[in-house]
């Protein structure tokens, strides 16, 4: 029997939690689970709503700019709504970090497209609040590909290993230098946060006891 979760009312919880990591690593699943445990609303990436994403996965390059711009404009709307509602210190769990958008733009757009993207981003003047905690789910390309294949989302089946490799490397570089918010790096290859209650409980304990700018979470294997 799994150990019950902590009484979260006893802790000073982070109000804005952003979860990041490459496709297939479990961002949205964890965001929804944390939101349920913390009784927070979610702010999710509109992957299924992006009409260009399927074509980008299938054909690549020429669909990269509209794919990126759709996400950019959607994020602008999300953060504008937060600001309009007066939520300058929002209580929310998000499955994306706004600051990583430029990383995607740099690895998918050619120089002219990147310049146009940056100009549009500058004119939008998006000012997202800084998260109180960023959770970076980290896993190697092999694990991500296995998860993408097993969950069977049709557009994702066109993702190739070269793109995944580039993405994993880009995330590693991005978070190596990231220092804008406290960062919890999770070994998502060795943890089952969706199906293993003990792993999830250990993660909650690490979140509520998080101190300092950077920590790592790599739970011990559960004995059977």
N, C-alpha and C. Protein backbone atom coordinates (compact mmCIF):
# COMPACT_ATOMS: atom_id res chain seq x y z
N UNK A 1 0.85 -1.20 0.00
CA UNK A 1 0.00 0.00 0.00
C UNK A 1 0.88 1.25 0.00
N UNK A 2 0.57 2.19 -0.87
CA UNK A 2 1.39 3.41 -0.99
C UNK A 2 1.21 4.29 0.24
N UNK A 3 2.29 4.97 0.61
CA UNK A 3 2.23 5.91 1.71
C UNK A 3 1.41 7.13 1.28
N UNK A 4 0.47 7.61 2.10
CA UNK A 4 -0.34 8.76 1.70
C UNK A 4 0.51 10.02 1.54
N UNK A 5 0.01 10.96 0.75
CA UNK A 5 0.70 12.21 0.54
C UNK A 5 0.74 13.03 1.83
N UNK A 6 1.68 13.95 1.89
CA UNK A 6 1.77 14.87 3.02
C UNK A 6 0.51 15.74 3.09
N UNK A 7 0.27 16.28 4.27
CA UNK A 7 -0.77 17.29 4.42
C UNK A 7 -0.20 18.61 3.90
N UNK A 8 -0.57 18.97 2.69
CA UNK A 8 0.04 20.12 2.03
C UNK A 8 -0.33 21.44 2.69
N UNK A 9 -1.37 21.43 3.51
CA UNK A 9 -1.75 22.66 4.22
C UNK A 9 -0.69 23.06 5.25
N UNK A 10 0.20 22.15 5.57
CA UNK A 10 1.24 22.44 6.57
C UNK A 10 2.46 23.13 5.96
N UNK A 11 2.46 23.35 4.65
CA UNK A 11 3.66 23.86 3.98
C UNK A 11 3.35 25.14 3.21
N UNK A 12 4.41 25.93 3.04
CA UNK A 12 4.34 27.13 2.21
C UNK A 12 4.66 26.69 0.78
N UNK A 13 3.64 26.49 -0.02
CA UNK A 13 3.80 25.89 -1.34
C UNK A 13 4.19 26.92 -2.39
N UNK A 14 4.97 26.51 -3.40
CA UNK A 14 5.20 27.40 -4.54
C UNK A 14 3.88 27.68 -5.25
N UNK A 15 3.66 28.93 -5.60
CA UNK A 15 2.36 29.32 -6.19
C UNK A 15 2.33 29.06 -7.70
N UNK A 16 3.42 29.32 -8.38
CA UNK A 16 3.47 29.14 -9.83
C UNK A 16 4.56 28.10 -10.14
N UNK A 17 4.12 26.92 -10.59
CA UNK A 17 5.03 25.83 -10.92
C UNK A 17 5.01 25.61 -12.42
N UNK A 18 6.17 25.64 -13.05
CA UNK A 18 6.29 25.37 -14.48
C UNK A 18 7.05 24.06 -14.66
N UNK A 19 6.54 23.20 -15.51
CA UNK A 19 7.16 21.90 -15.78
C UNK A 19 7.66 21.90 -17.21
N UNK A 20 8.91 21.47 -17.39
CA UNK A 20 9.51 21.49 -18.72
C UNK A 20 10.25 20.19 -19.01
N UNK A 21 10.58 20.02 -20.28
CA UNK A 21 11.31 18.85 -20.75
C UNK A 21 10.90 18.52 -22.16
N UNK A 22 11.65 17.67 -22.85
CA UNK A 22 11.36 17.35 -24.25
C UNK A 22 10.08 16.55 -24.40
N UNK A 23 9.58 16.49 -25.60
CA UNK A 23 8.34 15.78 -25.89
C UNK A 23 8.44 14.31 -25.47
N UNK A 24 7.39 13.80 -24.85
CA UNK A 24 7.37 12.42 -24.42
C UNK A 24 7.82 12.19 -23.00
N UNK A 25 8.28 13.24 -22.33
CA UNK A 25 8.87 13.06 -21.01
C UNK A 25 7.82 13.06 -19.89
N UNK A 26 6.59 13.53 -20.18
CA UNK A 26 5.53 13.47 -19.19
C UNK A 26 5.15 14.79 -18.55
N UNK A 27 5.38 15.89 -19.24
CA UNK A 27 5.10 17.21 -18.67
C UNK A 27 3.62 17.40 -18.32
N UNK A 28 2.76 17.16 -19.31
CA UNK A 28 1.35 17.43 -19.11
C UNK A 28 0.73 16.50 -18.07
N UNK A 29 1.14 15.24 -18.09
CA UNK A 29 0.64 14.28 -17.10
C UNK A 29 0.99 14.74 -15.69
N UNK A 30 2.25 15.16 -15.48
CA UNK A 30 2.66 15.62 -14.16
C UNK A 30 1.97 16.92 -13.79
N UNK A 31 1.82 17.84 -14.76
CA UNK A 31 1.15 19.11 -14.47
C UNK A 31 -0.27 18.88 -13.96
N UNK A 32 -1.00 17.99 -14.61
CA UNK A 32 -2.37 17.71 -14.18
C UNK A 32 -2.40 17.04 -12.81
N UNK A 33 -1.43 16.16 -12.56
CA UNK A 33 -1.41 15.45 -11.28
C UNK A 33 -1.06 16.41 -10.14
N UNK A 34 -0.07 17.27 -10.35
CA UNK A 34 0.29 18.25 -9.32
C UNK A 34 -0.86 19.23 -9.08
N UNK A 35 -1.52 19.64 -10.15
CA UNK A 35 -2.64 20.57 -10.01
C UNK A 35 -3.75 19.96 -9.16
N UNK A 36 -3.98 18.67 -9.34
CA UNK A 36 -4.99 17.99 -8.54
C UNK A 36 -4.57 17.91 -7.07
N UNK A 37 -3.29 17.59 -6.83
CA UNK A 37 -2.81 17.47 -5.46
C UNK A 37 -2.79 18.82 -4.75
N UNK A 38 -2.38 19.88 -5.46
CA UNK A 38 -2.25 21.20 -4.86
C UNK A 38 -3.55 22.01 -4.92
N UNK A 39 -4.52 21.47 -5.67
CA UNK A 39 -5.79 22.17 -5.91
C UNK A 39 -5.53 23.51 -6.62
N UNK A 40 -4.69 23.43 -7.66
CA UNK A 40 -4.35 24.58 -8.50
C UNK A 40 -4.99 24.40 -9.88
N UNK A 41 -5.26 25.51 -10.58
CA UNK A 41 -5.64 25.39 -12.00
C UNK A 41 -4.40 25.07 -12.84
N UNK A 42 -4.63 24.65 -14.07
CA UNK A 42 -3.53 24.36 -14.99
C UNK A 42 -3.49 25.39 -16.12
N UNK A 43 -2.31 25.58 -16.67
CA UNK A 43 -2.12 26.36 -17.90
C UNK A 43 -1.29 25.47 -18.82
N UNK A 44 -1.95 24.95 -19.87
CA UNK A 44 -1.34 23.89 -20.66
C UNK A 44 -1.01 24.36 -22.08
N UNK A 45 0.02 23.75 -22.64
CA UNK A 45 0.43 24.04 -24.01
C UNK A 45 -0.62 23.49 -24.98
N UNK A 46 -1.05 24.27 -25.97
CA UNK A 46 -2.14 23.84 -26.84
C UNK A 46 -1.67 22.98 -28.01
N UNK A 47 -0.96 21.91 -27.72
CA UNK A 47 -0.38 21.10 -28.80
C UNK A 47 -1.44 20.53 -29.73
N UNK A 48 -2.54 20.04 -29.18
CA UNK A 48 -3.58 19.44 -30.02
C UNK A 48 -4.34 20.49 -30.81
N UNK A 49 -4.24 21.75 -30.41
CA UNK A 49 -4.95 22.82 -31.11
C UNK A 49 -4.11 23.45 -32.21
N UNK A 50 -2.82 23.19 -32.22
CA UNK A 50 -1.93 23.82 -33.20
C UNK A 50 -2.08 23.13 -34.55
N UNK A 51 -2.66 23.81 -35.55
CA UNK A 51 -2.93 23.16 -36.84
C UNK A 51 -1.68 22.91 -37.67
N UNK A 52 -0.55 23.47 -37.25
CA UNK A 52 0.68 23.33 -38.03
C UNK A 52 1.60 22.24 -37.48
N UNK A 53 1.33 21.76 -36.26
CA UNK A 53 2.26 20.86 -35.58
C UNK A 53 2.39 19.52 -36.30
N UNK A 54 1.27 18.96 -36.76
CA UNK A 54 1.31 17.69 -37.48
C UNK A 54 2.18 17.81 -38.71
N UNK A 55 2.00 18.89 -39.49
CA UNK A 55 2.80 19.09 -40.70
C UNK A 55 4.27 19.32 -40.37
N UNK A 56 4.53 19.98 -39.24
CA UNK A 56 5.93 20.18 -38.85
C UNK A 56 6.60 18.84 -38.54
N UNK A 57 5.92 17.98 -37.80
CA UNK A 57 6.49 16.67 -37.48
C UNK A 57 6.69 15.83 -38.74
N UNK A 58 5.80 15.96 -39.72
CA UNK A 58 5.89 15.14 -40.93
C UNK A 58 6.90 15.69 -41.92
N UNK A 59 6.92 17.03 -42.07
CA UNK A 59 7.70 17.61 -43.16
C UNK A 59 8.81 18.54 -42.69
N UNK A 60 8.76 18.94 -41.43
CA UNK A 60 9.85 19.74 -40.88
C UNK A 60 9.85 21.18 -41.31
N UNK A 61 11.03 21.64 -41.70
CA UNK A 61 11.43 23.02 -41.90
C UNK A 61 10.38 24.04 -42.30
N UNK A 62 9.70 23.83 -43.44
CA UNK A 62 8.84 24.90 -43.96
C UNK A 62 7.61 25.16 -43.10
N UNK A 63 7.32 24.28 -42.17
CA UNK A 63 6.19 24.50 -41.27
C UNK A 63 6.64 24.95 -39.87
N UNK A 64 7.94 25.17 -39.71
CA UNK A 64 8.45 25.52 -38.39
C UNK A 64 7.98 26.90 -37.93
N UNK A 65 8.01 27.88 -38.84
CA UNK A 65 7.65 29.25 -38.44
C UNK A 65 6.19 29.37 -38.02
N UNK A 66 5.22 28.91 -38.83
CA UNK A 66 3.83 29.01 -38.35
C UNK A 66 3.58 28.21 -37.07
N UNK A 67 4.28 27.09 -36.92
CA UNK A 67 4.14 26.31 -35.69
C UNK A 67 4.58 27.12 -34.49
N UNK A 68 5.75 27.76 -34.60
CA UNK A 68 6.27 28.57 -33.51
C UNK A 68 5.40 29.79 -33.23
N UNK A 69 4.93 30.43 -34.29
CA UNK A 69 4.11 31.64 -34.11
C UNK A 69 2.77 31.31 -33.47
N UNK A 70 2.19 30.16 -33.79
CA UNK A 70 0.94 29.78 -33.14
C UNK A 70 1.14 29.66 -31.63
N UNK A 71 2.21 28.96 -31.22
CA UNK A 71 2.48 28.83 -29.79
C UNK A 71 2.75 30.19 -29.16
N UNK A 72 3.52 31.03 -29.84
CA UNK A 72 3.86 32.35 -29.31
C UNK A 72 2.60 33.19 -29.08
N UNK A 73 1.72 33.24 -30.07
CA UNK A 73 0.51 34.04 -29.94
C UNK A 73 -0.43 33.48 -28.88
N UNK A 74 -0.48 32.17 -28.78
CA UNK A 74 -1.33 31.56 -27.75
C UNK A 74 -0.80 31.89 -26.36
N UNK A 75 0.52 31.82 -26.17
CA UNK A 75 1.10 32.15 -24.87
C UNK A 75 0.87 33.62 -24.53
N UNK A 76 0.97 34.48 -25.54
CA UNK A 76 0.70 35.90 -25.32
C UNK A 76 -0.70 36.10 -24.79
N UNK A 77 -1.67 35.39 -25.36
CA UNK A 77 -3.05 35.48 -24.91
C UNK A 77 -3.19 34.95 -23.48
N UNK A 78 -2.54 33.82 -23.18
CA UNK A 78 -2.64 33.23 -21.84
C UNK A 78 -2.13 34.20 -20.77
N UNK A 79 -0.95 34.78 -21.01
CA UNK A 79 -0.37 35.66 -19.99
C UNK A 79 -1.08 37.01 -19.93
N UNK A 80 -1.65 37.45 -21.05
CA UNK A 80 -2.45 38.66 -21.03
C UNK A 80 -3.69 38.46 -20.17
N UNK A 81 -4.30 37.28 -20.29
CA UNK A 81 -5.48 36.97 -19.48
C UNK A 81 -5.14 36.92 -17.99
N UNK A 82 -3.97 36.37 -17.67
CA UNK A 82 -3.54 36.36 -16.27
C UNK A 82 -3.38 37.77 -15.74
N UNK A 83 -2.75 38.63 -16.56
CA UNK A 83 -2.52 40.01 -16.13
C UNK A 83 -3.83 40.77 -16.01
N UNK A 84 -4.74 40.55 -16.96
CA UNK A 84 -6.04 41.24 -16.93
C UNK A 84 -6.84 40.85 -15.70
N UNK A 85 -6.67 39.59 -15.30
CA UNK A 85 -7.39 39.11 -14.12
C UNK A 85 -6.75 39.58 -12.82
N UNK A 86 -5.63 40.29 -12.95
CA UNK A 86 -4.95 40.78 -11.76
C UNK A 86 -4.09 39.73 -11.08
N UNK A 87 -3.79 38.67 -11.79
CA UNK A 87 -3.01 37.59 -11.17
C UNK A 87 -1.52 37.79 -11.44
N UNK A 88 -0.97 38.82 -10.82
CA UNK A 88 0.45 39.08 -11.03
C UNK A 88 1.31 38.05 -10.30
N UNK A 89 0.73 37.39 -9.31
CA UNK A 89 1.40 36.28 -8.64
C UNK A 89 0.47 35.08 -8.73
N UNK A 90 0.39 34.45 -9.93
CA UNK A 90 -0.65 33.44 -10.16
C UNK A 90 -0.44 32.17 -9.36
N UNK A 91 -1.54 31.50 -9.08
CA UNK A 91 -1.50 30.16 -8.50
C UNK A 91 -1.86 29.22 -9.63
N UNK A 92 -0.87 28.52 -10.18
CA UNK A 92 -1.11 27.74 -11.38
C UNK A 92 0.02 26.73 -11.58
N UNK A 93 -0.30 25.63 -12.24
CA UNK A 93 0.71 24.68 -12.70
C UNK A 93 0.69 24.69 -14.22
N UNK A 94 1.84 24.95 -14.82
CA UNK A 94 1.96 25.05 -16.27
C UNK A 94 2.85 23.93 -16.80
N UNK A 95 2.52 23.42 -17.99
CA UNK A 95 3.37 22.40 -18.60
C UNK A 95 4.33 22.99 -19.62
N UNK A 96 4.63 24.29 -19.46
CA UNK A 96 5.63 24.93 -20.31
C UNK A 96 6.24 26.11 -19.58
N UNK A 97 7.41 26.48 -20.01
CA UNK A 97 8.11 27.66 -19.50
C UNK A 97 8.28 28.62 -20.66
N UNK A 98 7.74 29.80 -20.55
CA UNK A 98 7.75 30.75 -21.65
C UNK A 98 9.17 31.03 -22.15
N UNK A 99 10.12 31.08 -21.24
CA UNK A 99 11.48 31.46 -21.59
C UNK A 99 12.17 30.46 -22.51
N UNK A 100 11.62 29.24 -22.63
CA UNK A 100 12.27 28.25 -23.48
C UNK A 100 11.86 28.39 -24.95
N UNK A 101 10.90 29.28 -25.25
CA UNK A 101 10.42 29.39 -26.62
C UNK A 101 11.53 29.77 -27.60
N UNK A 102 12.42 30.63 -27.16
CA UNK A 102 13.51 31.03 -28.05
C UNK A 102 14.40 29.84 -28.38
N UNK A 103 14.58 28.92 -27.43
CA UNK A 103 15.38 27.72 -27.68
C UNK A 103 14.80 26.94 -28.86
N UNK A 104 13.47 26.75 -28.86
CA UNK A 104 12.82 26.05 -29.97
C UNK A 104 12.99 26.82 -31.28
N UNK A 105 12.83 28.13 -31.20
CA UNK A 105 12.97 28.94 -32.41
C UNK A 105 14.37 28.81 -33.00
N UNK A 106 15.37 28.79 -32.16
CA UNK A 106 16.75 28.71 -32.64
C UNK A 106 17.07 27.39 -33.32
N UNK A 107 16.44 26.29 -32.88
CA UNK A 107 16.78 24.99 -33.47
C UNK A 107 15.85 24.62 -34.64
N UNK A 108 14.77 25.38 -34.86
CA UNK A 108 13.85 25.01 -35.94
C UNK A 108 13.77 26.03 -37.06
N UNK A 109 14.16 27.29 -36.82
CA UNK A 109 14.00 28.35 -37.82
C UNK A 109 15.31 28.69 -38.49
N UNK A 110 15.22 29.11 -39.77
CA UNK A 110 16.42 29.60 -40.43
C UNK A 110 16.65 31.05 -39.99
N UNK A 111 17.80 31.65 -40.30
CA UNK A 111 18.12 32.99 -39.77
C UNK A 111 17.07 34.06 -40.09
N UNK A 112 16.52 34.05 -41.31
CA UNK A 112 15.51 35.06 -41.65
C UNK A 112 14.22 34.84 -40.88
N UNK A 113 13.82 33.59 -40.74
CA UNK A 113 12.62 33.28 -39.96
C UNK A 113 12.81 33.64 -38.50
N UNK A 114 14.01 33.37 -37.98
CA UNK A 114 14.29 33.69 -36.59
C UNK A 114 14.22 35.19 -36.35
N UNK A 115 14.74 35.97 -37.29
CA UNK A 115 14.69 37.43 -37.15
C UNK A 115 13.24 37.92 -37.14
N UNK A 116 12.40 37.34 -38.01
CA UNK A 116 10.99 37.71 -38.03
C UNK A 116 10.30 37.30 -36.74
N UNK A 117 10.57 36.09 -36.27
CA UNK A 117 10.00 35.60 -35.02
C UNK A 117 10.36 36.54 -33.87
N UNK A 118 11.63 36.92 -33.79
CA UNK A 118 12.08 37.80 -32.71
C UNK A 118 11.41 39.16 -32.77
N UNK A 119 11.19 39.66 -34.00
CA UNK A 119 10.53 40.96 -34.15
C UNK A 119 9.09 40.89 -33.65
N UNK A 120 8.39 39.82 -34.01
CA UNK A 120 7.01 39.66 -33.56
C UNK A 120 6.96 39.50 -32.04
N UNK A 121 7.88 38.71 -31.50
CA UNK A 121 7.94 38.52 -30.05
C UNK A 121 8.20 39.84 -29.34
N UNK A 122 9.10 40.64 -29.90
CA UNK A 122 9.41 41.95 -29.30
C UNK A 122 8.19 42.85 -29.31
N UNK A 123 7.44 42.86 -30.40
CA UNK A 123 6.26 43.72 -30.50
C UNK A 123 5.13 43.26 -29.58
N UNK A 124 5.04 41.96 -29.34
CA UNK A 124 4.03 41.45 -28.43
C UNK A 124 4.32 41.87 -26.99
N UNK A 125 5.61 42.03 -26.69
CA UNK A 125 6.03 42.50 -25.36
C UNK A 125 5.41 41.66 -24.24
N UNK A 126 5.57 40.34 -24.36
CA UNK A 126 5.01 39.43 -23.36
C UNK A 126 5.84 39.50 -22.09
N UNK A 127 5.17 39.66 -20.96
CA UNK A 127 5.87 39.74 -19.68
C UNK A 127 5.33 38.65 -18.74
N UNK A 128 5.76 37.42 -18.94
CA UNK A 128 5.25 36.35 -18.08
C UNK A 128 5.81 36.47 -16.67
N UNK A 129 5.02 36.13 -15.66
CA UNK A 129 5.55 36.11 -14.29
C UNK A 129 6.60 35.02 -14.15
N UNK A 130 7.52 35.23 -13.26
CA UNK A 130 8.57 34.23 -13.03
C UNK A 130 8.02 33.11 -12.14
N UNK A 131 8.23 31.85 -12.53
CA UNK A 131 7.74 30.76 -11.67
C UNK A 131 8.42 30.77 -10.31
N UNK A 132 7.72 30.24 -9.32
CA UNK A 132 8.32 30.01 -8.02
C UNK A 132 9.15 28.73 -8.02
N UNK A 133 8.85 27.82 -8.97
CA UNK A 133 9.60 26.57 -9.10
C UNK A 133 9.47 26.08 -10.53
N UNK A 134 10.61 25.67 -11.10
CA UNK A 134 10.63 25.01 -12.41
C UNK A 134 11.06 23.56 -12.20
N UNK A 135 10.28 22.63 -12.75
CA UNK A 135 10.62 21.21 -12.70
C UNK A 135 11.03 20.78 -14.09
N UNK A 136 12.27 20.37 -14.24
CA UNK A 136 12.81 19.93 -15.53
C UNK A 136 12.86 18.41 -15.54
N UNK A 137 12.00 17.80 -16.36
CA UNK A 137 11.97 16.36 -16.52
C UNK A 137 12.97 15.97 -17.60
N UNK A 138 13.94 15.17 -17.20
CA UNK A 138 15.08 14.85 -18.08
C UNK A 138 15.07 13.36 -18.42
N UNK A 139 15.22 13.04 -19.71
CA UNK A 139 15.28 11.64 -20.13
C UNK A 139 16.04 11.56 -21.45
N UNK A 140 16.72 10.44 -21.71
CA UNK A 140 17.47 10.30 -22.95
C UNK A 140 16.55 10.04 -24.14
N UNK A 141 17.11 10.24 -25.30
CA UNK A 141 16.36 10.08 -26.55
C UNK A 141 15.68 8.72 -26.66
N UNK A 142 16.37 7.65 -26.27
CA UNK A 142 15.81 6.29 -26.39
C UNK A 142 14.52 6.15 -25.60
N UNK A 143 14.52 6.66 -24.37
CA UNK A 143 13.34 6.56 -23.50
C UNK A 143 12.20 7.39 -24.08
N UNK A 144 12.51 8.58 -24.56
CA UNK A 144 11.48 9.45 -25.12
C UNK A 144 10.83 8.80 -26.34
N UNK A 145 11.65 8.21 -27.20
CA UNK A 145 11.11 7.58 -28.40
C UNK A 145 10.20 6.41 -28.04
N UNK A 146 10.59 5.62 -27.04
CA UNK A 146 9.75 4.51 -26.60
C UNK A 146 8.41 5.01 -26.10
N UNK A 147 8.41 6.09 -25.34
CA UNK A 147 7.17 6.62 -24.79
C UNK A 147 6.29 7.23 -25.87
N UNK A 148 6.91 7.91 -26.82
CA UNK A 148 6.15 8.49 -27.93
C UNK A 148 5.48 7.39 -28.75
N UNK A 149 6.21 6.33 -29.03
CA UNK A 149 5.64 5.22 -29.80
C UNK A 149 4.53 4.53 -29.02
N UNK A 150 4.72 4.34 -27.71
CA UNK A 150 3.75 3.57 -26.93
C UNK A 150 2.46 4.33 -26.71
N UNK A 151 2.52 5.67 -26.61
CA UNK A 151 1.27 6.40 -26.35
C UNK A 151 0.47 6.62 -27.63
N UNK A 152 1.10 6.48 -28.79
CA UNK A 152 0.39 6.38 -30.05
C UNK A 152 -0.34 7.61 -30.54
N UNK A 153 0.09 8.80 -30.15
CA UNK A 153 -0.52 10.03 -30.68
C UNK A 153 -0.09 10.16 -32.15
N UNK A 154 -1.06 10.18 -33.04
CA UNK A 154 -0.77 10.06 -34.47
C UNK A 154 0.28 11.05 -35.00
N UNK A 155 0.14 12.37 -34.78
CA UNK A 155 1.13 13.29 -35.34
C UNK A 155 2.55 13.03 -34.82
N UNK A 156 2.66 12.58 -33.57
CA UNK A 156 3.98 12.38 -32.96
C UNK A 156 4.73 11.19 -33.56
N UNK A 157 4.02 10.30 -34.26
CA UNK A 157 4.67 9.12 -34.82
C UNK A 157 5.63 9.48 -35.95
N UNK A 158 5.56 10.72 -36.42
CA UNK A 158 6.46 11.18 -37.48
C UNK A 158 7.75 11.78 -36.92
N UNK A 159 7.84 11.92 -35.59
CA UNK A 159 9.05 12.48 -34.98
C UNK A 159 10.20 11.52 -35.20
N UNK A 160 11.33 12.04 -35.66
CA UNK A 160 12.49 11.18 -35.91
C UNK A 160 13.55 11.35 -34.83
N UNK A 161 14.47 10.42 -34.79
CA UNK A 161 15.48 10.40 -33.73
C UNK A 161 16.42 11.59 -33.82
N UNK A 162 16.69 12.11 -35.02
CA UNK A 162 17.58 13.27 -35.16
C UNK A 162 16.97 14.49 -34.48
N UNK A 163 15.68 14.70 -34.69
CA UNK A 163 15.01 15.84 -34.05
C UNK A 163 15.01 15.67 -32.53
N UNK A 164 14.72 14.46 -32.05
CA UNK A 164 14.72 14.22 -30.61
C UNK A 164 16.10 14.46 -30.02
N UNK A 165 17.14 13.99 -30.71
CA UNK A 165 18.50 14.19 -30.22
C UNK A 165 18.82 15.67 -30.10
N UNK A 166 18.46 16.44 -31.13
CA UNK A 166 18.68 17.89 -31.11
C UNK A 166 17.94 18.54 -29.95
N UNK A 167 16.71 18.09 -29.73
CA UNK A 167 15.88 18.65 -28.67
C UNK A 167 16.45 18.35 -27.29
N UNK A 168 16.86 17.11 -27.08
CA UNK A 168 17.43 16.73 -25.78
C UNK A 168 18.69 17.55 -25.48
N UNK A 169 19.54 17.70 -26.49
CA UNK A 169 20.76 18.49 -26.31
C UNK A 169 20.44 19.96 -26.03
N UNK A 170 19.44 20.49 -26.73
CA UNK A 170 19.08 21.90 -26.54
C UNK A 170 18.53 22.13 -25.13
N UNK A 171 17.71 21.22 -24.64
CA UNK A 171 17.19 21.34 -23.27
C UNK A 171 18.32 21.28 -22.25
N UNK A 172 19.27 20.36 -22.47
CA UNK A 172 20.39 20.23 -21.54
C UNK A 172 21.19 21.53 -21.47
N UNK A 173 21.44 22.14 -22.62
CA UNK A 173 22.17 23.41 -22.63
C UNK A 173 21.36 24.51 -21.95
N UNK A 174 20.07 24.57 -22.27
CA UNK A 174 19.22 25.62 -21.72
C UNK A 174 19.22 25.58 -20.20
N UNK A 175 19.00 24.40 -19.63
CA UNK A 175 18.88 24.31 -18.17
C UNK A 175 20.23 24.27 -17.47
N UNK A 176 21.30 24.02 -18.20
CA UNK A 176 22.63 24.13 -17.60
C UNK A 176 22.88 25.56 -17.13
N UNK A 177 22.36 26.53 -17.91
CA UNK A 177 22.60 27.93 -17.59
C UNK A 177 21.40 28.61 -16.94
N UNK A 178 20.28 27.92 -16.80
CA UNK A 178 19.07 28.56 -16.29
C UNK A 178 19.21 28.90 -14.81
N UNK A 179 18.89 30.16 -14.46
CA UNK A 179 19.00 30.58 -13.06
C UNK A 179 17.92 31.59 -12.68
N UNK A 180 16.84 31.65 -13.45
CA UNK A 180 15.82 32.65 -13.20
C UNK A 180 14.85 32.25 -12.08
N UNK A 181 14.79 30.97 -11.76
CA UNK A 181 13.89 30.47 -10.72
C UNK A 181 14.50 29.22 -10.12
N UNK A 182 14.09 28.82 -8.91
CA UNK A 182 14.56 27.54 -8.37
C UNK A 182 14.23 26.41 -9.34
N UNK A 183 15.20 25.50 -9.50
CA UNK A 183 15.09 24.45 -10.51
C UNK A 183 15.24 23.08 -9.86
N UNK A 184 14.25 22.21 -10.09
CA UNK A 184 14.30 20.83 -9.63
C UNK A 184 14.44 19.95 -10.86
N UNK A 185 15.58 19.27 -10.98
CA UNK A 185 15.87 18.42 -12.14
C UNK A 185 15.51 16.98 -11.78
N UNK A 186 14.60 16.38 -12.55
CA UNK A 186 14.07 15.06 -12.25
C UNK A 186 14.56 14.06 -13.29
N UNK A 187 15.12 12.96 -12.82
CA UNK A 187 15.52 11.87 -13.71
C UNK A 187 14.27 11.11 -14.13
N UNK A 188 13.63 11.58 -15.19
CA UNK A 188 12.35 11.01 -15.60
C UNK A 188 12.50 9.65 -16.26
N UNK A 189 13.73 9.24 -16.58
CA UNK A 189 13.94 7.91 -17.15
C UNK A 189 13.81 6.83 -16.09
N UNK A 190 14.06 7.18 -14.83
CA UNK A 190 14.06 6.20 -13.75
C UNK A 190 12.90 6.39 -12.77
N UNK A 191 11.96 7.25 -13.13
CA UNK A 191 10.86 7.55 -12.21
C UNK A 191 9.54 7.40 -12.95
N UNK A 192 8.55 6.87 -12.27
CA UNK A 192 7.21 6.72 -12.83
C UNK A 192 6.25 7.57 -12.00
N UNK A 193 6.15 8.82 -12.36
CA UNK A 193 5.33 9.75 -11.58
C UNK A 193 3.84 9.57 -11.85
N UNK A 194 3.50 8.90 -12.94
CA UNK A 194 2.09 8.67 -13.26
C UNK A 194 1.56 7.42 -12.58
N UNK A 195 2.39 6.37 -12.49
CA UNK A 195 1.89 5.10 -12.02
C UNK A 195 2.44 4.61 -10.69
N UNK A 196 3.52 5.22 -10.19
CA UNK A 196 4.14 4.77 -8.95
C UNK A 196 3.86 5.80 -7.85
N UNK A 197 2.98 5.45 -6.91
CA UNK A 197 2.58 6.39 -5.86
C UNK A 197 3.75 6.78 -4.97
N UNK A 198 4.69 5.84 -4.73
CA UNK A 198 5.83 6.16 -3.88
C UNK A 198 6.74 7.19 -4.55
N UNK A 199 6.97 7.03 -5.85
CA UNK A 199 7.78 8.02 -6.57
C UNK A 199 7.12 9.39 -6.52
N UNK A 200 5.80 9.41 -6.73
CA UNK A 200 5.09 10.69 -6.73
C UNK A 200 5.12 11.33 -5.35
N UNK A 201 4.95 10.53 -4.30
CA UNK A 201 5.02 11.06 -2.94
C UNK A 201 6.40 11.64 -2.66
N UNK A 202 7.46 10.94 -3.10
CA UNK A 202 8.83 11.46 -2.89
C UNK A 202 9.03 12.78 -3.62
N UNK A 203 8.44 12.90 -4.82
CA UNK A 203 8.56 14.17 -5.55
C UNK A 203 7.86 15.29 -4.79
N UNK A 204 6.66 15.03 -4.28
CA UNK A 204 5.94 16.04 -3.50
C UNK A 204 6.78 16.47 -2.30
N UNK A 205 7.39 15.52 -1.61
CA UNK A 205 8.23 15.85 -0.46
C UNK A 205 9.40 16.72 -0.88
N UNK A 206 9.98 16.43 -2.04
CA UNK A 206 11.11 17.24 -2.50
C UNK A 206 10.64 18.65 -2.85
N UNK A 207 9.45 18.78 -3.44
CA UNK A 207 8.94 20.09 -3.81
C UNK A 207 8.71 20.95 -2.57
N UNK A 208 8.03 20.39 -1.57
CA UNK A 208 7.67 21.20 -0.40
C UNK A 208 8.88 21.50 0.48
N UNK A 209 9.95 20.73 0.31
CA UNK A 209 11.16 20.97 1.10
C UNK A 209 12.29 21.54 0.24
N UNK A 210 11.95 22.07 -0.90
CA UNK A 210 12.94 22.61 -1.83
C UNK A 210 13.61 23.84 -1.25
N UNK A 211 14.93 23.81 -1.21
CA UNK A 211 15.73 24.95 -0.75
C UNK A 211 16.89 25.16 -1.71
N UNK A 212 17.25 26.40 -1.92
CA UNK A 212 18.37 26.70 -2.79
C UNK A 212 17.95 26.79 -4.24
N UNK A 213 18.89 27.17 -5.12
CA UNK A 213 18.55 27.44 -6.51
C UNK A 213 18.39 26.20 -7.38
N UNK A 214 18.96 25.05 -6.97
CA UNK A 214 18.95 23.88 -7.86
C UNK A 214 19.08 22.60 -7.04
N UNK A 215 18.18 21.65 -7.31
CA UNK A 215 18.25 20.33 -6.68
C UNK A 215 17.95 19.26 -7.72
N UNK A 216 18.29 18.02 -7.35
CA UNK A 216 18.10 16.87 -8.25
C UNK A 216 17.23 15.83 -7.56
N UNK A 217 16.38 15.18 -8.35
CA UNK A 217 15.50 14.14 -7.82
C UNK A 217 15.69 12.86 -8.63
N UNK A 218 16.24 11.84 -7.96
CA UNK A 218 16.48 10.55 -8.61
C UNK A 218 16.14 9.48 -7.57
N UNK A 219 14.86 9.09 -7.48
CA UNK A 219 14.43 8.20 -6.39
C UNK A 219 15.08 6.84 -6.47
N UNK A 220 15.19 6.22 -5.31
CA UNK A 220 15.73 4.86 -5.26
C UNK A 220 14.70 3.90 -5.86
N UNK A 221 15.15 2.88 -6.57
CA UNK A 221 14.20 1.89 -7.12
C UNK A 221 13.33 1.29 -6.02
N UNK A 222 12.06 1.11 -6.34
CA UNK A 222 11.13 0.51 -5.37
C UNK A 222 11.37 -0.98 -5.30
N UNK A 223 11.53 -1.51 -4.10
CA UNK A 223 11.74 -2.94 -3.93
C UNK A 223 10.42 -3.68 -4.05
N UNK A 224 10.42 -4.79 -4.75
CA UNK A 224 9.21 -5.59 -4.93
C UNK A 224 9.31 -6.86 -4.11
